[in-house]
Amino acid sequence: MSTKTKRTYNLSAKAVAHVKELAGRIGSASSQDGVVELAIERLYRDVRDQEEAALWARAATDPEFRAEMQAIAISYGDPESWPS
């Protein structure tokens, strides 16, 4: 039983041309489906990483979070270098 699901999406002619071109290049995915899967996975990771970076940036300005991290650093005996 296949773990793939057939879907139909409306893409611009330019996007379709890029997918076809990438599928034919050495070092890229071996099929058009593979190119699309790689692109989706990369975009998913990029969005997730941006969201995580935003959370860490907010945490860095949160006094309660900073106090908790300082307490943890002290308990590990390294209050000067962690968290940086």
PDB file of N, CA and C in Angstrom:
ATOM      1  N   MET A   1       0.838  -1.174   0.000  1.00  0.00           N
ATOM      2  CA  MET A   1       0.000   0.000   0.000  1.00  0.00           C
ATOM      3  C   MET A   1       0.891   1.248   0.000  1.00  0.00           C
ATOM      4  N   SER A   2       0.609   2.177  -0.879  1.00  0.00           N
ATOM      5  CA  SER A   2       1.405   3.382  -1.026  1.00  0.00           C
ATOM      6  C   SER A   2       1.101   4.389   0.080  1.00  0.00           C
ATOM      7  N   THR A   3       2.139   5.086   0.519  1.00  0.00           N
ATOM      8  CA  THR A   3       1.946   6.139   1.513  1.00  0.00           C
ATOM      9  C   THR A   3       1.793   7.498   0.835  1.00  0.00           C
ATOM     10  N   LYS A   4       1.720   7.513  -0.463  1.00  0.00           N
ATOM     11  CA  LYS A   4       1.568   8.742  -1.234  1.00  0.00           C
ATOM     12  C   LYS A   4       0.092   9.038  -1.447  1.00  0.00           C
ATOM     13  N   THR A   5      -0.230  10.321  -1.563  1.00  0.00           N
ATOM     14  CA  THR A   5      -1.593  10.758  -1.843  1.00  0.00           C
ATOM     15  C   THR A   5      -1.570  11.619  -3.086  1.00  0.00           C
ATOM     16  N   LYS A   6      -2.399  11.318  -4.031  1.00  0.00           N
ATOM     17  CA  LYS A   6      -2.484  12.092  -5.269  1.00  0.00           C
ATOM     18  C   LYS A   6      -3.251  13.373  -5.000  1.00  0.00           C
ATOM     19  N   ARG A   7      -2.636  14.532  -5.335  1.00  0.00           N
ATOM     20  CA  ARG A   7      -3.262  15.828  -5.155  1.00  0.00           C
ATOM     21  C   ARG A   7      -3.104  16.621  -6.446  1.00  0.00           C
ATOM     22  N   THR A   8      -3.966  17.562  -6.650  1.00  0.00           N
ATOM     23  CA  THR A   8      -3.874  18.448  -7.802  1.00  0.00           C
ATOM     24  C   THR A   8      -3.797  19.881  -7.303  1.00  0.00           C
ATOM     25  N   TYR A   9      -2.800  20.617  -7.782  1.00  0.00           N
ATOM     26  CA  TYR A   9      -2.628  22.017  -7.423  1.00  0.00           C
ATOM     27  C   TYR A   9      -2.512  22.837  -8.686  1.00  0.00           C
ATOM     28  N   ASN A  10      -2.956  24.057  -8.636  1.00  0.00           N
ATOM     29  CA  ASN A  10      -2.833  24.971  -9.768  1.00  0.00           C
ATOM     30  C   ASN A  10      -1.574  25.805  -9.579  1.00  0.00           C
ATOM     31  N   LEU A  11      -0.591  25.555 -10.415  1.00  0.00           N
ATOM     32  CA  LEU A  11       0.685  26.254 -10.332  1.00  0.00           C
ATOM     33  C   LEU A  11       0.871  27.108 -11.574  1.00  0.00           C
ATOM     34  N   SER A  12       1.647  28.158 -11.428  1.00  0.00           N
ATOM     35  CA  SER A  12       1.949  28.999 -12.589  1.00  0.00           C
ATOM     36  C   SER A  12       2.808  28.205 -13.568  1.00  0.00           C
ATOM     37  N   ALA A  13       2.794  28.642 -14.816  1.00  0.00           N
ATOM     38  CA  ALA A  13       3.617  27.988 -15.836  1.00  0.00           C
ATOM     39  C   ALA A  13       5.096  28.077 -15.456  1.00  0.00           C
ATOM     40  N   LYS A  14       5.492  29.187 -14.860  1.00  0.00           N
ATOM     41  CA  LYS A  14       6.878  29.371 -14.436  1.00  0.00           C
ATOM     42  C   LYS A  14       7.258  28.349 -13.364  1.00  0.00           C
ATOM     43  N   ALA A  15       6.370  28.147 -12.378  1.00  0.00           N
ATOM     44  CA  ALA A  15       6.645  27.171 -11.318  1.00  0.00           C
ATOM     45  C   ALA A  15       6.771  25.770 -11.901  1.00  0.00           C
ATOM     46  N   VAL A  16       5.886  25.419 -12.816  1.00  0.00           N
ATOM     47  CA  VAL A  16       5.931  24.096 -13.456  1.00  0.00           C
ATOM     48  C   VAL A  16       7.235  23.934 -14.227  1.00  0.00           C
ATOM     49  N   ALA A  17       7.648  24.972 -14.927  1.00  0.00           N
ATOM     50  CA  ALA A  17       8.904  24.905 -15.686  1.00  0.00           C
ATOM     51  C   ALA A  17      10.092  24.713 -14.747  1.00  0.00           C
ATOM     52  N   HIS A  18      10.077  25.401 -13.622  1.00  0.00           N
ATOM     53  CA  HIS A  18      11.170  25.251 -12.652  1.00  0.00           C
ATOM     54  C   HIS A  18      11.211  23.825 -12.100  1.00  0.00           C
ATOM     55  N   VAL A  19      10.052  23.273 -11.783  1.00  0.00           N
ATOM     56  CA  VAL A  19       9.989  21.904 -11.254  1.00  0.00           C
ATOM     57  C   VAL A  19      10.555  20.932 -12.278  1.00  0.00           C
ATOM     58  N   LYS A  20      10.137  21.069 -13.537  1.00  0.00           N
ATOM     59  CA  LYS A  20      10.634  20.181 -14.590  1.00  0.00           C
ATOM     60  C   LYS A  20      12.138  20.313 -14.764  1.00  0.00           C
ATOM     61  N   GLU A  21      12.630  21.549 -14.746  1.00  0.00           N
ATOM     62  CA  GLU A  21      14.063  21.778 -14.910  1.00  0.00           C
ATOM     63  C   GLU A  21      14.851  21.175 -13.745  1.00  0.00           C
ATOM     64  N   LEU A  22      14.380  21.396 -12.535  1.00  0.00           N
ATOM     65  CA  LEU A  22      15.083  20.862 -11.371  1.00  0.00           C
ATOM     66  C   LEU A  22      15.077  19.340 -11.347  1.00  0.00           C
ATOM     67  N   ALA A  23      13.989  18.738 -11.788  1.00  0.00           N
ATOM     68  CA  ALA A  23      13.907  17.270 -11.794  1.00  0.00           C
ATOM     69  C   ALA A  23      14.923  16.670 -12.748  1.00  0.00           C
ATOM     70  N   GLY A  24      15.338  17.424 -13.740  1.00  0.00           N
ATOM     71  CA  GLY A  24      16.297  16.913 -14.713  1.00  0.00           C
ATOM     72  C   GLY A  24      17.744  17.173 -14.349  1.00  0.00           C
ATOM     73  N   ARG A  25      17.995  17.912 -13.295  1.00  0.00           N
ATOM     74  CA  ARG A  25      19.368  18.255 -12.926  1.00  0.00           C
ATOM     75  C   ARG A  25      19.984  17.199 -12.005  1.00  0.00           C
ATOM     76  N   ILE A  26      21.261  16.977 -12.201  1.00  0.00           N
ATOM     77  CA  ILE A  26      22.012  16.088 -11.320  1.00  0.00           C
ATOM     78  C   ILE A  26      22.135  16.774  -9.964  1.00  0.00           C
ATOM     79  N   GLY A  27      21.945  16.008  -8.896  1.00  0.00           N
ATOM     80  CA  GLY A  27      22.037  16.565  -7.554  1.00  0.00           C
ATOM     81  C   GLY A  27      20.712  17.074  -7.024  1.00  0.00           C
ATOM     82  N   SER A  28      19.688  17.007  -7.849  1.00  0.00           N
ATOM     83  CA  SER A  28      18.357  17.412  -7.419  1.00  0.00           C
ATOM     84  C   SER A  28      17.530  16.142  -7.237  1.00  0.00           C
ATOM     85  N   ALA A  29      16.265  16.319  -6.934  1.00  0.00           N
ATOM     86  CA  ALA A  29      15.378  15.158  -6.816  1.00  0.00           C
ATOM     87  C   ALA A  29      15.277  14.460  -8.174  1.00  0.00           C
ATOM     88  N   SER A  30      14.983  13.189  -8.146  1.00  0.00           N
ATOM     89  CA  SER A  30      14.963  12.414  -9.388  1.00  0.00           C
ATOM     90  C   SER A  30      13.626  12.484 -10.127  1.00  0.00           C
ATOM     91  N   SER A  31      12.641  13.150  -9.526  1.00  0.00           N
ATOM     92  CA  SER A  31      11.333  13.267 -10.189  1.00  0.00           C
ATOM     93  C   SER A  31      10.719  14.614  -9.844  1.00  0.00           C
ATOM     94  N   GLN A  32       9.695  14.977 -10.587  1.00  0.00           N
ATOM     95  CA  GLN A  32       8.989  16.219 -10.299  1.00  0.00           C
ATOM     96  C   GLN A  32       8.331  16.143  -8.922  1.00  0.00           C
ATOM     97  N   ASP A  33       7.771  14.996  -8.585  1.00  0.00           N
ATOM     98  CA  ASP A  33       7.190  14.822  -7.251  1.00  0.00           C
ATOM     99  C   ASP A  33       8.255  15.039  -6.178  1.00  0.00           C
ATOM    100  N   GLY A  34       9.443  14.516  -6.410  1.00  0.00           N
ATOM    101  CA  GLY A  34      10.524  14.677  -5.457  1.00  0.00           C
ATOM    102  C   GLY A  34      10.931  16.126  -5.281  1.00  0.00           C
ATOM    103  N   VAL A  35      10.961  16.882  -6.379  1.00  0.00           N
ATOM    104  CA  VAL A  35      11.296  18.309  -6.306  1.00  0.00           C
ATOM    105  C   VAL A  35      10.273  19.032  -5.441  1.00  0.00           C
ATOM    106  N   VAL A  36       8.997  18.759  -5.669  1.00  0.00           N
ATOM    107  CA  VAL A  36       7.940  19.417  -4.907  1.00  0.00           C
ATOM    108  C   VAL A  36       8.040  19.023  -3.433  1.00  0.00           C
ATOM    109  N   GLU A  37       8.265  17.753  -3.150  1.00  0.00           N
ATOM    110  CA  GLU A  37       8.390  17.321  -1.754  1.00  0.00           C
ATOM    111  C   GLU A  37       9.572  17.995  -1.059  1.00  0.00           C
ATOM    112  N   LEU A  38      10.709  18.073  -1.744  1.00  0.00           N
ATOM    113  CA  LEU A  38      11.869  18.740  -1.161  1.00  0.00           C
ATOM    114  C   LEU A  38      11.584  20.215  -0.890  1.00  0.00           C
ATOM    115  N   ALA A  39      10.929  20.869  -1.835  1.00  0.00           N
ATOM    116  CA  ALA A  39      10.620  22.288  -1.672  1.00  0.00           C
ATOM    117  C   ALA A  39       9.670  22.517  -0.499  1.00  0.00           C
ATOM    118  N   ILE A  40       8.669  21.677  -0.384  1.00  0.00           N
ATOM    119  CA  ILE A  40       7.715  21.808   0.723  1.00  0.00           C
ATOM    120  C   ILE A  40       8.409  21.571   2.051  1.00  0.00           C
ATOM    121  N   GLU A  41       9.238  20.544   2.129  1.00  0.00           N
ATOM    122  CA  GLU A  41       9.946  20.242   3.369  1.00  0.00           C
ATOM    123  C   GLU A  41      10.865  21.394   3.762  1.00  0.00           C
ATOM    124  N   ARG A  42      11.545  21.969   2.781  1.00  0.00           N
ATOM    125  CA  ARG A  42      12.448  23.088   3.071  1.00  0.00           C
ATOM    126  C   ARG A  42      11.665  24.310   3.561  1.00  0.00           C
ATOM    127  N   LEU A  43      10.570  24.624   2.894  1.00  0.00           N
ATOM    128  CA  LEU A  43       9.741  25.750   3.324  1.00  0.00           C
ATOM    129  C   LEU A  43       9.184  25.508   4.718  1.00  0.00           C
ATOM    130  N   TYR A  44       8.740  24.294   4.986  1.00  0.00           N
ATOM    131  CA  TYR A  44       8.202  23.945   6.305  1.00  0.00           C
ATOM    132  C   TYR A  44       9.251  24.180   7.386  1.00  0.00           C
ATOM    133  N   ARG A  45      10.483  23.704   7.149  1.00  0.00           N
ATOM    134  CA  ARG A  45      11.571  23.891   8.122  1.00  0.00           C
ATOM    135  C   ARG A  45      11.905  25.367   8.296  1.00  0.00           C
ATOM    136  N   ASP A  46      11.932  26.115   7.182  1.00  0.00           N
ATOM    137  CA  ASP A  46      12.237  27.545   7.258  1.00  0.00           C
ATOM    138  C   ASP A  46      11.205  28.292   8.101  1.00  0.00           C
ATOM    139  N   VAL A  47       9.929  28.013   7.876  1.00  0.00           N
ATOM    140  CA  VAL A  47       8.862  28.670   8.640  1.00  0.00           C
ATOM    141  C   VAL A  47       8.961  28.279  10.111  1.00  0.00           C
ATOM    142  N   ARG A  48       9.153  26.999  10.371  1.00  0.00           N
ATOM    143  CA  ARG A  48       9.287  26.527  11.754  1.00  0.00           C
ATOM    144  C   ARG A  48      10.491  27.175  12.436  1.00  0.00           C
ATOM    145  N   ASP A  49      11.611  27.273  11.739  1.00  0.00           N
ATOM    146  CA  ASP A  49      12.811  27.888  12.306  1.00  0.00           C
ATOM    147  C   ASP A  49      12.597  29.374  12.592  1.00  0.00           C
ATOM    148  N   GLN A  50      11.890  30.064  11.709  1.00  0.00           N
ATOM    149  CA  GLN A  50      11.590  31.485  11.931  1.00  0.00           C
ATOM    150  C   GLN A  50      10.693  31.659  13.151  1.00  0.00           C
ATOM    151  N   GLU A  51       9.705  30.792  13.301  1.00  0.00           N
ATOM    152  CA  GLU A  51       8.822  30.862  14.463  1.00  0.00           C
ATOM    153  C   GLU A  51       9.604  30.604  15.750  1.00  0.00           C
ATOM    154  N   GLU A  52      10.490  29.612  15.712  1.00  0.00           N
ATOM    155  CA  GLU A  52      11.290  29.297  16.891  1.00  0.00           C
ATOM    156  C   GLU A  52      12.231  30.451  17.238  1.00  0.00           C
ATOM    157  N   ALA A  53      12.832  31.066  16.219  1.00  0.00           N
ATOM    158  CA  ALA A  53      13.724  32.205  16.455  1.00  0.00           C
ATOM    159  C   ALA A  53      12.960  33.367  17.086  1.00  0.00           C
ATOM    160  N   ALA A  54      11.728  33.582  16.641  1.00  0.00           N
ATOM    161  CA  ALA A  54      10.913  34.657  17.212  1.00  0.00           C
ATOM    162  C   ALA A  54      10.594  34.367  18.684  1.00  0.00           C
ATOM    163  N   LEU A  55      10.314  33.108  19.001  1.00  0.00           N
ATOM    164  CA  LEU A  55      10.055  32.738  20.396  1.00  0.00           C
ATOM    165  C   LEU A  55      11.276  32.969  21.269  1.00  0.00           C
ATOM    166  N   TRP A  56      12.450  32.579  20.772  1.00  0.00           N
ATOM    167  CA  TRP A  56      13.675  32.789  21.544  1.00  0.00           C
ATOM    168  C   TRP A  56      13.974  34.273  21.701  1.00  0.00           C
ATOM    169  N   ALA A  57      13.702  35.066  20.671  1.00  0.00           N
ATOM    170  CA  ALA A  57      13.929  36.509  20.761  1.00  0.00           C
ATOM    171  C   ALA A  57      13.022  37.127  21.817  1.00  0.00           C
ATOM    172  N   ARG A  58      11.770  36.691  21.857  1.00  0.00           N
ATOM    173  CA  ARG A  58      10.854  37.182  22.893  1.00  0.00           C
ATOM    174  C   ARG A  58      11.311  36.724  24.267  1.00  0.00           C
ATOM    175  N   ALA A  59      11.759  35.491  24.374  1.00  0.00           N
ATOM    176  CA  ALA A  59      12.215  34.963  25.663  1.00  0.00           C
ATOM    177  C   ALA A  59      13.412  35.756  26.177  1.00  0.00           C
ATOM    178  N   ALA A  60      14.267  36.191  25.275  1.00  0.00           N
ATOM    179  CA  ALA A  60      15.461  36.927  25.682  1.00  0.00           C
ATOM    180  C   ALA A  60      15.128  38.255  26.339  1.00  0.00           C
ATOM    181  N   THR A  61      13.936  38.770  26.080  1.00  0.00           N
ATOM    182  CA  THR A  61      13.540  40.044  26.682  1.00  0.00           C
ATOM    183  C   THR A  61      12.562  39.853  27.841  1.00  0.00           C
ATOM    184  N   ASP A  62      12.268  38.609  28.164  1.00  0.00           N
ATOM    185  CA  ASP A  62      11.325  38.299  29.248  1.00  0.00           C
ATOM    186  C   ASP A  62      12.094  38.183  30.568  1.00  0.00           C
ATOM    187  N   PRO A  63      11.840  39.096  31.514  1.00  0.00           N
ATOM    188  CA  PRO A  63      12.593  39.076  32.779  1.00  0.00           C
ATOM    189  C   PRO A  63      12.452  37.763  33.553  1.00  0.00           C
ATOM    190  N   GLU A  64      11.270  37.176  33.547  1.00  0.00           N
ATOM    191  CA  GLU A  64      11.076  35.905  34.273  1.00  0.00           C
ATOM    192  C   GLU A  64      11.900  34.788  33.637  1.00  0.00           C
ATOM    193  N   PHE A  65      11.889  34.732  32.322  1.00  0.00           N
ATOM    194  CA  PHE A  65      12.664  33.704  31.618  1.00  0.00           C
ATOM    195  C   PHE A  65      14.155  33.890  31.895  1.00  0.00           C
ATOM    196  N   ARG A  66      14.624  35.121  31.797  1.00  0.00           N
ATOM    197  CA  ARG A  66      16.045  35.393  32.031  1.00  0.00           C
ATOM    198  C   ARG A  66      16.444  35.032  33.461  1.00  0.00           C
ATOM    199  N   ALA A  67      15.567  35.322  34.417  1.00  0.00           N
ATOM    200  CA  ALA A  67      15.859  34.970  35.814  1.00  0.00           C
ATOM    201  C   ALA A  67      15.928  33.453  35.978  1.00  0.00           C
ATOM    202  N   GLU A  68      15.017  32.749  35.344  1.00  0.00           N
ATOM    203  CA  GLU A  68      15.028  31.284  35.418  1.00  0.00           C
ATOM    204  C   GLU A  68      16.296  30.718  34.791  1.00  0.00           C
ATOM    205  N   MET A  69      16.709  31.248  33.642  1.00  0.00           N
ATOM    206  CA  MET A  69      17.926  30.774  32.983  1.00  0.00           C
ATOM    207  C   MET A  69      19.153  31.080  33.844  1.00  0.00           C
ATOM    208  N   GLN A  70      19.149  32.241  34.496  1.00  0.00           N
ATOM    209  CA  GLN A  70      20.271  32.583  35.384  1.00  0.00           C
ATOM    210  C   GLN A  70      20.328  31.603  36.558  1.00  0.00           C
ATOM    211  N   ALA A  71      19.177  31.260  37.113  1.00  0.00           N
ATOM    212  CA  ALA A  71      19.133  30.298  38.219  1.00  0.00           C
ATOM    213  C   ALA A  71      19.657  28.936  37.776  1.00  0.00           C
ATOM    214  N   ILE A  72      19.298  28.527  36.574  1.00  0.00           N
ATOM    215  CA  ILE A  72      19.794  27.246  36.050  1.00  0.00           C
ATOM    216  C   ILE A  72      21.300  27.319  35.862  1.00  0.00           C
ATOM    217  N   ALA A  73      21.787  28.429  35.320  1.00  0.00           N
ATOM    218  CA  ALA A  73      23.226  28.582  35.111  1.00  0.00           C
ATOM    219  C   ALA A  73      23.970  28.508  36.438  1.00  0.00           C
ATOM    220  N   ILE A  74      23.421  29.144  37.448  1.00  0.00           N
ATOM    221  CA  ILE A  74      24.056  29.106  38.771  1.00  0.00           C
ATOM    222  C   ILE A  74      24.074  27.684  39.313  1.00  0.00           C
ATOM    223  N   SER A  75      22.978  26.956  39.118  1.00  0.00           N
ATOM    224  CA  SER A  75      22.929  25.580  39.631  1.00  0.00           C
ATOM    225  C   SER A  75      23.924  24.675  38.914  1.00  0.00           C
ATOM    226  N   TYR A  76      24.297  25.029  37.687  1.00  0.00           N
ATOM    227  CA  TYR A  76      25.314  24.264  36.955  1.00  0.00           C
ATOM    228  C   TYR A  76      26.706  24.847  37.158  1.00  0.00           C
ATOM    229  N   GLY A  77      26.789  25.889  37.965  1.00  0.00           N
ATOM    230  CA  GLY A  77      28.091  26.451  38.290  1.00  0.00           C
ATOM    231  C   GLY A  77      28.730  27.272  37.204  1.00  0.00           C
ATOM    232  N   ASP A  78      27.944  27.829  36.273  1.00  0.00           N
ATOM    233  CA  ASP A  78      28.512  28.586  35.165  1.00  0.00           C
ATOM    234  C   ASP A  78      27.675  29.838  34.887  1.00  0.00           C
ATOM    235  N   PRO A  79      27.531  30.723  35.841  1.00  0.00           N
ATOM    236  CA  PRO A  79      26.640  31.883  35.649  1.00  0.00           C
ATOM    237  C   PRO A  79      27.214  32.935  34.697  1.00  0.00           C
ATOM    238  N   GLU A  80      28.491  32.862  34.386  1.00  0.00           N
ATOM    239  CA  GLU A  80      29.101  33.901  33.532  1.00  0.00           C
ATOM    240  C   GLU A  80      28.906  33.653  32.043  1.00  0.00           C
ATOM    241  N   SER A  81      28.933  32.406  31.621  1.00  0.00           N
ATOM    242  CA  SER A  81      28.897  32.141  30.176  1.00  0.00           C
ATOM    243  C   SER A  81      27.581  31.542  29.687  1.00  0.00           C
ATOM    244  N   TRP A  82      26.685  31.209  30.590  1.00  0.00           N
ATOM    245  CA  TRP A  82      25.432  30.599  30.143  1.00  0.00           C
ATOM    246  C   TRP A  82      24.282  31.213  30.895  1.00  0.00           C
ATOM    247  N   PRO A  83      23.216  31.622  30.296  1.00  0.00           N
ATOM    248  CA  PRO A  83      23.021  31.668  28.830  1.00  0.00           C
ATOM    249  C   PRO A  83      23.751  32.853  28.235  1.00  0.00           C
ATOM    250  N   SER A  84      24.132  32.694  26.993  1.00  0.00           N
ATOM    251  CA  SER A  84      24.874  33.776  26.341  1.00  0.00           C
ATOM    252  C   SER A  84      23.929  34.766  25.721  1.00  0.00           C
TER     253      SER A  84
END
